[in-house]
Amino acid sequence: QMQVAESGGGLVQPGGSLTLSCAASLSIRNISGIGWYRQTTRKQRELVAEISNGARLKYADTVKGRFTVSRDNAKNMAYLQMNSLKTDDTGVYFCNVFVLSAIRRDYWGQGTQVTVSS
């Protein structure tokens, strides 16, 4: 069973940067993709960025040009580099490892809190 764990959250001032990490307990070479989601008290969990097994990238409009998603298959890791952070970026960030086959299988971490505040 795949286990996923996020790290790297914290408190940062507006305009600052953070890098989130996602560690998978098993190989990610053959998974379908990895997504980063954000959940706030006002919104449901929303997709922020995604990288597929073919290295296709997807970003929410609100983070395009500021966030970069990447993965390192050799280390079973994924990352979310967040620059020019805004107060609206505040939330709990979750890593989602998913496999698309006959059914979709999702593996979630416990989330890491990101707070952007002066």
N, C-alpha and C. Protein backbone atom coordinates (compact mmCIF):
# COMPACT_ATOMS: atom_id res chain seq x y z
N GLN A 1 0.85 -1.18 0.00
CA GLN A 1 0.00 0.00 0.00
C GLN A 1 0.89 1.24 0.00
N MET A 2 0.64 2.09 -0.95
CA MET A 2 1.42 3.33 -1.06
C MET A 2 1.07 4.25 0.10
N GLN A 3 2.09 4.82 0.71
CA GLN A 3 1.88 5.87 1.71
C GLN A 3 2.57 7.13 1.23
N VAL A 4 1.94 8.24 1.56
CA VAL A 4 2.40 9.53 1.06
C VAL A 4 2.53 10.49 2.23
N ALA A 5 3.58 11.27 2.24
CA ALA A 5 3.79 12.22 3.33
C ALA A 5 4.31 13.54 2.78
N GLU A 6 3.64 14.63 3.15
CA GLU A 6 4.07 15.96 2.75
C GLU A 6 4.92 16.60 3.84
N SER A 7 5.74 17.52 3.44
CA SER A 7 6.51 18.31 4.39
C SER A 7 6.88 19.63 3.73
N GLY A 8 7.35 20.57 4.55
CA GLY A 8 7.83 21.83 4.03
C GLY A 8 6.93 23.02 4.23
N GLY A 9 5.76 22.80 4.81
CA GLY A 9 4.87 23.92 5.04
C GLY A 9 5.40 24.83 6.14
N GLY A 10 4.74 25.96 6.30
CA GLY A 10 5.15 26.89 7.35
C GLY A 10 4.54 28.25 7.15
N LEU A 11 5.06 29.21 7.88
CA LEU A 11 4.62 30.59 7.82
C LEU A 11 5.58 31.39 6.97
N VAL A 12 5.05 32.13 6.03
CA VAL A 12 5.89 32.93 5.14
C VAL A 12 5.19 34.26 4.87
N GLN A 13 5.97 35.28 4.65
CA GLN A 13 5.39 36.59 4.35
C GLN A 13 4.95 36.67 2.89
N PRO A 14 4.00 37.51 2.59
CA PRO A 14 3.62 37.71 1.18
C PRO A 14 4.82 38.07 0.33
N GLY A 15 4.89 37.45 -0.84
CA GLY A 15 6.04 37.65 -1.71
C GLY A 15 7.13 36.64 -1.51
N GLY A 16 7.04 35.88 -0.45
CA GLY A 16 8.07 34.89 -0.14
C GLY A 16 7.90 33.59 -0.90
N SER A 17 8.76 32.64 -0.57
CA SER A 17 8.77 31.35 -1.27
C SER A 17 8.79 30.19 -0.27
N LEU A 18 8.26 29.07 -0.72
CA LEU A 18 8.32 27.82 0.03
C LEU A 18 8.41 26.69 -0.97
N THR A 19 9.05 25.62 -0.55
CA THR A 19 9.05 24.41 -1.36
C THR A 19 8.47 23.27 -0.54
N LEU A 20 7.40 22.68 -1.04
CA LEU A 20 6.79 21.53 -0.40
C LEU A 20 7.36 20.25 -1.00
N SER A 21 7.49 19.25 -0.17
CA SER A 21 7.98 17.95 -0.63
C SER A 21 6.93 16.88 -0.37
N CYS A 22 6.92 15.90 -1.24
CA CYS A 22 6.00 14.77 -1.12
C CYS A 22 6.82 13.50 -1.24
N ALA A 23 6.82 12.71 -0.19
CA ALA A 23 7.58 11.46 -0.19
C ALA A 23 6.63 10.28 -0.31
N ALA A 24 6.91 9.41 -1.27
CA ALA A 24 6.10 8.20 -1.47
C ALA A 24 6.87 7.01 -0.93
N SER A 25 6.14 6.07 -0.33
CA SER A 25 6.78 4.91 0.29
C SER A 25 7.16 3.83 -0.72
N LEU A 26 6.58 3.90 -1.92
CA LEU A 26 6.88 2.93 -2.97
C LEU A 26 7.32 3.66 -4.24
N SER A 27 7.78 2.91 -5.20
CA SER A 27 8.24 3.52 -6.44
C SER A 27 7.12 4.29 -7.14
N ILE A 28 7.47 5.46 -7.67
CA ILE A 28 6.49 6.27 -8.40
C ILE A 28 6.72 6.19 -9.91
N ARG A 29 7.61 5.30 -10.34
CA ARG A 29 7.94 5.24 -11.77
C ARG A 29 6.73 4.89 -12.62
N ASN A 30 5.87 4.05 -12.13
CA ASN A 30 4.76 3.56 -12.95
C ASN A 30 3.40 4.10 -12.53
N ILE A 31 3.38 5.11 -11.70
CA ILE A 31 2.09 5.71 -11.35
C ILE A 31 1.63 6.61 -12.49
N SER A 32 0.40 7.04 -12.45
CA SER A 32 -0.13 7.88 -13.52
C SER A 32 0.22 9.35 -13.32
N GLY A 33 0.28 9.79 -12.07
CA GLY A 33 0.62 11.18 -11.85
C GLY A 33 0.61 11.56 -10.39
N ILE A 34 1.03 12.77 -10.14
CA ILE A 34 1.05 13.31 -8.79
C ILE A 34 0.44 14.70 -8.84
N GLY A 35 -0.50 14.93 -7.93
CA GLY A 35 -1.14 16.23 -7.87
C GLY A 35 -0.93 16.88 -6.51
N TRP A 36 -0.92 18.18 -6.52
CA TRP A 36 -0.92 18.96 -5.28
C TRP A 36 -2.27 19.67 -5.19
N TYR A 37 -2.92 19.52 -4.05
CA TYR A 37 -4.21 20.12 -3.81
C TYR A 37 -4.11 21.07 -2.62
N ARG A 38 -5.01 22.02 -2.61
CA ARG A 38 -5.06 22.99 -1.52
C ARG A 38 -6.49 23.02 -0.97
N GLN A 39 -6.59 23.05 0.34
CA GLN A 39 -7.89 23.15 0.99
C GLN A 39 -7.86 24.31 1.97
N THR A 40 -8.90 25.15 1.89
CA THR A 40 -9.03 26.27 2.83
C THR A 40 -10.37 26.16 3.55
N THR A 41 -10.57 27.02 4.51
CA THR A 41 -11.83 26.99 5.25
C THR A 41 -12.99 27.44 4.37
N ARG A 42 -12.68 28.19 3.31
CA ARG A 42 -13.76 28.73 2.47
C ARG A 42 -14.01 27.92 1.21
N LYS A 43 -13.06 27.08 0.84
CA LYS A 43 -13.18 26.35 -0.41
C LYS A 43 -12.98 24.87 -0.20
N GLN A 44 -13.56 24.10 -1.09
CA GLN A 44 -13.29 22.67 -1.09
C GLN A 44 -11.87 22.45 -1.61
N ARG A 45 -11.40 21.23 -1.42
CA ARG A 45 -10.08 20.90 -1.89
C ARG A 45 -10.00 21.12 -3.40
N GLU A 46 -9.00 21.88 -3.83
CA GLU A 46 -8.87 22.20 -5.24
C GLU A 46 -7.49 21.83 -5.75
N LEU A 47 -7.46 21.43 -7.02
CA LEU A 47 -6.18 21.08 -7.64
C LEU A 47 -5.36 22.34 -7.88
N VAL A 48 -4.13 22.31 -7.44
CA VAL A 48 -3.22 23.44 -7.62
C VAL A 48 -2.26 23.15 -8.77
N ALA A 49 -1.70 21.95 -8.77
CA ALA A 49 -0.73 21.59 -9.82
C ALA A 49 -0.68 20.08 -9.95
N GLU A 50 -0.32 19.63 -11.13
CA GLU A 50 -0.26 18.19 -11.37
C GLU A 50 0.83 17.89 -12.39
N ILE A 51 1.51 16.78 -12.18
CA ILE A 51 2.50 16.31 -13.14
C ILE A 51 2.19 14.85 -13.44
N SER A 52 2.03 14.56 -14.72
CA SER A 52 1.67 13.22 -15.12
C SER A 52 2.92 12.37 -15.31
N ASN A 53 2.70 11.08 -15.56
CA ASN A 53 3.83 10.19 -15.77
C ASN A 53 4.60 10.55 -17.02
N GLY A 54 3.91 11.20 -17.97
CA GLY A 54 4.58 11.66 -19.17
C GLY A 54 5.14 13.06 -19.04
N ALA A 55 5.21 13.53 -17.80
CA ALA A 55 5.75 14.86 -17.49
C ALA A 55 4.89 16.00 -18.02
N ARG A 56 3.64 15.72 -18.32
CA ARG A 56 2.74 16.81 -18.65
C ARG A 56 2.38 17.57 -17.38
N LEU A 57 2.33 18.88 -17.49
CA LEU A 57 2.09 19.73 -16.34
C LEU A 57 0.72 20.41 -16.45
N LYS A 58 0.10 20.57 -15.30
CA LYS A 58 -1.18 21.26 -15.24
C LYS A 58 -1.15 22.16 -14.02
N TYR A 59 -1.62 23.40 -14.19
CA TYR A 59 -1.66 24.35 -13.08
C TYR A 59 -3.01 25.04 -13.02
N ALA A 60 -3.43 25.35 -11.81
CA ALA A 60 -4.59 26.21 -11.63
C ALA A 60 -4.23 27.60 -12.13
N ASP A 61 -5.20 28.31 -12.66
CA ASP A 61 -4.94 29.65 -13.20
C ASP A 61 -4.37 30.57 -12.13
N THR A 62 -4.78 30.37 -10.90
CA THR A 62 -4.37 31.26 -9.82
C THR A 62 -2.89 31.12 -9.44
N VAL A 63 -2.24 30.04 -9.89
CA VAL A 63 -0.84 29.83 -9.51
C VAL A 63 0.10 29.79 -10.70
N LYS A 64 -0.43 29.87 -11.91
CA LYS A 64 0.42 29.82 -13.11
C LYS A 64 1.47 30.93 -13.07
N GLY A 65 2.69 30.54 -13.38
CA GLY A 65 3.78 31.51 -13.37
C GLY A 65 4.42 31.69 -12.01
N ARG A 66 3.79 31.16 -10.97
CA ARG A 66 4.35 31.31 -9.61
C ARG A 66 4.76 29.97 -9.00
N PHE A 67 4.02 28.92 -9.31
CA PHE A 67 4.28 27.59 -8.75
C PHE A 67 4.87 26.68 -9.82
N THR A 68 5.73 25.78 -9.38
CA THR A 68 6.33 24.79 -10.28
C THR A 68 6.27 23.42 -9.61
N VAL A 69 5.69 22.47 -10.31
CA VAL A 69 5.61 21.10 -9.81
C VAL A 69 6.69 20.26 -10.50
N SER A 70 7.29 19.36 -9.74
CA SER A 70 8.32 18.49 -10.31
C SER A 70 8.31 17.16 -9.57
N ARG A 71 9.04 16.22 -10.12
CA ARG A 71 9.13 14.91 -9.48
C ARG A 71 10.51 14.32 -9.73
N ASP A 72 10.93 13.48 -8.81
CA ASP A 72 12.21 12.78 -8.93
C ASP A 72 11.91 11.30 -8.74
N ASN A 73 11.81 10.58 -9.84
CA ASN A 73 11.42 9.17 -9.75
C ASN A 73 12.46 8.34 -8.98
N ALA A 74 13.70 8.72 -9.10
CA ALA A 74 14.76 7.95 -8.43
C ALA A 74 14.63 8.03 -6.91
N LYS A 75 14.09 9.13 -6.43
CA LYS A 75 13.95 9.33 -4.98
C LYS A 75 12.53 9.10 -4.50
N ASN A 76 11.62 8.81 -5.43
CA ASN A 76 10.19 8.66 -5.07
C ASN A 76 9.67 9.93 -4.40
N MET A 77 10.02 11.05 -4.97
CA MET A 77 9.66 12.35 -4.40
C MET A 77 8.99 13.24 -5.44
N ALA A 78 8.16 14.12 -4.96
CA ALA A 78 7.59 15.18 -5.78
C ALA A 78 7.72 16.49 -4.99
N TYR A 79 7.71 17.58 -5.73
CA TYR A 79 7.93 18.89 -5.10
C TYR A 79 6.96 19.92 -5.66
N LEU A 80 6.69 20.91 -4.85
CA LEU A 80 5.93 22.07 -5.31
C LEU A 80 6.70 23.30 -4.87
N GLN A 81 7.32 23.94 -5.83
CA GLN A 81 8.04 25.19 -5.57
C GLN A 81 7.05 26.34 -5.69
N MET A 82 6.91 27.11 -4.62
CA MET A 82 5.92 28.19 -4.60
C MET A 82 6.64 29.51 -4.42
N ASN A 83 6.50 30.38 -5.39
CA ASN A 83 7.12 31.71 -5.35
C ASN A 83 6.06 32.79 -5.35
N SER A 84 6.46 33.98 -4.99
CA SER A 84 5.56 35.14 -4.98
C SER A 84 4.26 34.81 -4.27
N LEU A 85 4.38 34.25 -3.11
CA LEU A 85 3.20 33.78 -2.39
C LEU A 85 2.29 34.93 -1.98
N LYS A 86 1.00 34.63 -2.01
CA LYS A 86 -0.02 35.60 -1.66
C LYS A 86 -0.82 35.07 -0.46
N THR A 87 -1.52 35.96 0.20
CA THR A 87 -2.32 35.53 1.35
C THR A 87 -3.37 34.51 0.92
N ASP A 88 -3.86 34.60 -0.30
CA ASP A 88 -4.85 33.65 -0.80
C ASP A 88 -4.29 32.25 -0.99
N ASP A 89 -2.97 32.12 -0.95
CA ASP A 89 -2.35 30.79 -1.07
C ASP A 89 -2.39 30.02 0.25
N THR A 90 -2.81 30.67 1.29
CA THR A 90 -2.89 30.03 2.60
C THR A 90 -3.84 28.84 2.55
N GLY A 91 -3.43 27.75 3.16
CA GLY A 91 -4.28 26.57 3.22
C GLY A 91 -3.49 25.34 3.58
N VAL A 92 -4.16 24.22 3.62
CA VAL A 92 -3.50 22.94 3.83
C VAL A 92 -3.26 22.32 2.46
N TYR A 93 -2.02 21.97 2.22
CA TYR A 93 -1.63 21.41 0.92
C TYR A 93 -1.47 19.90 1.04
N PHE A 94 -2.10 19.21 0.11
CA PHE A 94 -2.08 17.75 0.11
C PHE A 94 -1.41 17.24 -1.16
N CYS A 95 -0.67 16.18 -1.00
CA CYS A 95 -0.09 15.49 -2.14
C CYS A 95 -0.96 14.29 -2.47
N ASN A 96 -1.24 14.12 -3.75
CA ASN A 96 -2.08 13.01 -4.22
C ASN A 96 -1.32 12.22 -5.27
N VAL A 97 -1.05 10.98 -4.97
CA VAL A 97 -0.46 10.06 -5.93
C VAL A 97 -1.58 9.21 -6.50
N PHE A 98 -1.71 9.16 -7.81
CA PHE A 98 -2.83 8.43 -8.38
C PHE A 98 -2.39 7.49 -9.50
N VAL A 99 -3.19 6.42 -9.62
CA VAL A 99 -2.95 5.41 -10.65
C VAL A 99 -4.24 5.21 -11.42
N LEU A 100 -4.16 5.36 -12.72
CA LEU A 100 -5.32 5.19 -13.59
C LEU A 100 -5.23 3.83 -14.27
N SER A 101 -6.17 2.95 -13.92
CA SER A 101 -6.23 1.66 -14.59
C SER A 101 -7.71 1.37 -14.84
N ALA A 102 -8.17 0.20 -14.47
CA ALA A 102 -9.60 -0.08 -14.61
C ALA A 102 -10.40 0.86 -13.71
N ILE A 103 -9.84 1.14 -12.56
CA ILE A 103 -10.41 2.15 -11.66
C ILE A 103 -9.28 3.08 -11.26
N ARG A 104 -9.65 4.23 -10.75
CA ARG A 104 -8.63 5.16 -10.29
C ARG A 104 -8.33 4.87 -8.82
N ARG A 105 -7.05 4.79 -8.52
CA ARG A 105 -6.64 4.62 -7.13
C ARG A 105 -5.90 5.88 -6.70
N ASP A 106 -6.29 6.40 -5.55
CA ASP A 106 -5.71 7.63 -5.01
C ASP A 106 -5.05 7.35 -3.67
N TYR A 107 -3.90 7.96 -3.49
CA TYR A 107 -3.18 7.88 -2.23
C TYR A 107 -2.88 9.30 -1.78
N TRP A 108 -3.30 9.61 -0.56
CA TRP A 108 -3.20 10.97 -0.04
C TRP A 108 -2.29 11.03 1.17
N GLY A 109 -1.62 12.16 1.29
CA GLY A 109 -0.88 12.43 2.51
C GLY A 109 -1.79 13.10 3.53
N GLN A 110 -1.20 13.45 4.65
CA GLN A 110 -1.98 14.05 5.75
C GLN A 110 -2.09 15.56 5.61
N GLY A 111 -1.33 16.13 4.70
CA GLY A 111 -1.38 17.56 4.45
C GLY A 111 -0.33 18.33 5.23
N THR A 112 0.02 19.48 4.70
CA THR A 112 0.95 20.37 5.38
C THR A 112 0.41 21.80 5.28
N GLN A 113 0.46 22.51 6.40
CA GLN A 113 -0.13 23.84 6.47
C GLN A 113 0.82 24.88 5.90
N VAL A 114 0.28 25.71 5.01
CA VAL A 114 1.01 26.87 4.49
C VAL A 114 0.23 28.12 4.88
N THR A 115 0.88 29.01 5.57
CA THR A 115 0.25 30.27 5.98
C THR A 115 1.06 31.43 5.43
N VAL A 116 0.39 32.25 4.63
CA VAL A 116 1.04 33.43 4.06
C VAL A 116 0.45 34.64 4.75
N SER A 117 1.27 35.29 5.54
CA SER A 117 0.78 36.39 6.35
C SER A 117 1.94 37.31 6.72
N SER A 118 1.62 38.60 6.85
CA SER A 118 2.63 39.55 7.30
C SER A 118 2.54 39.73 8.81
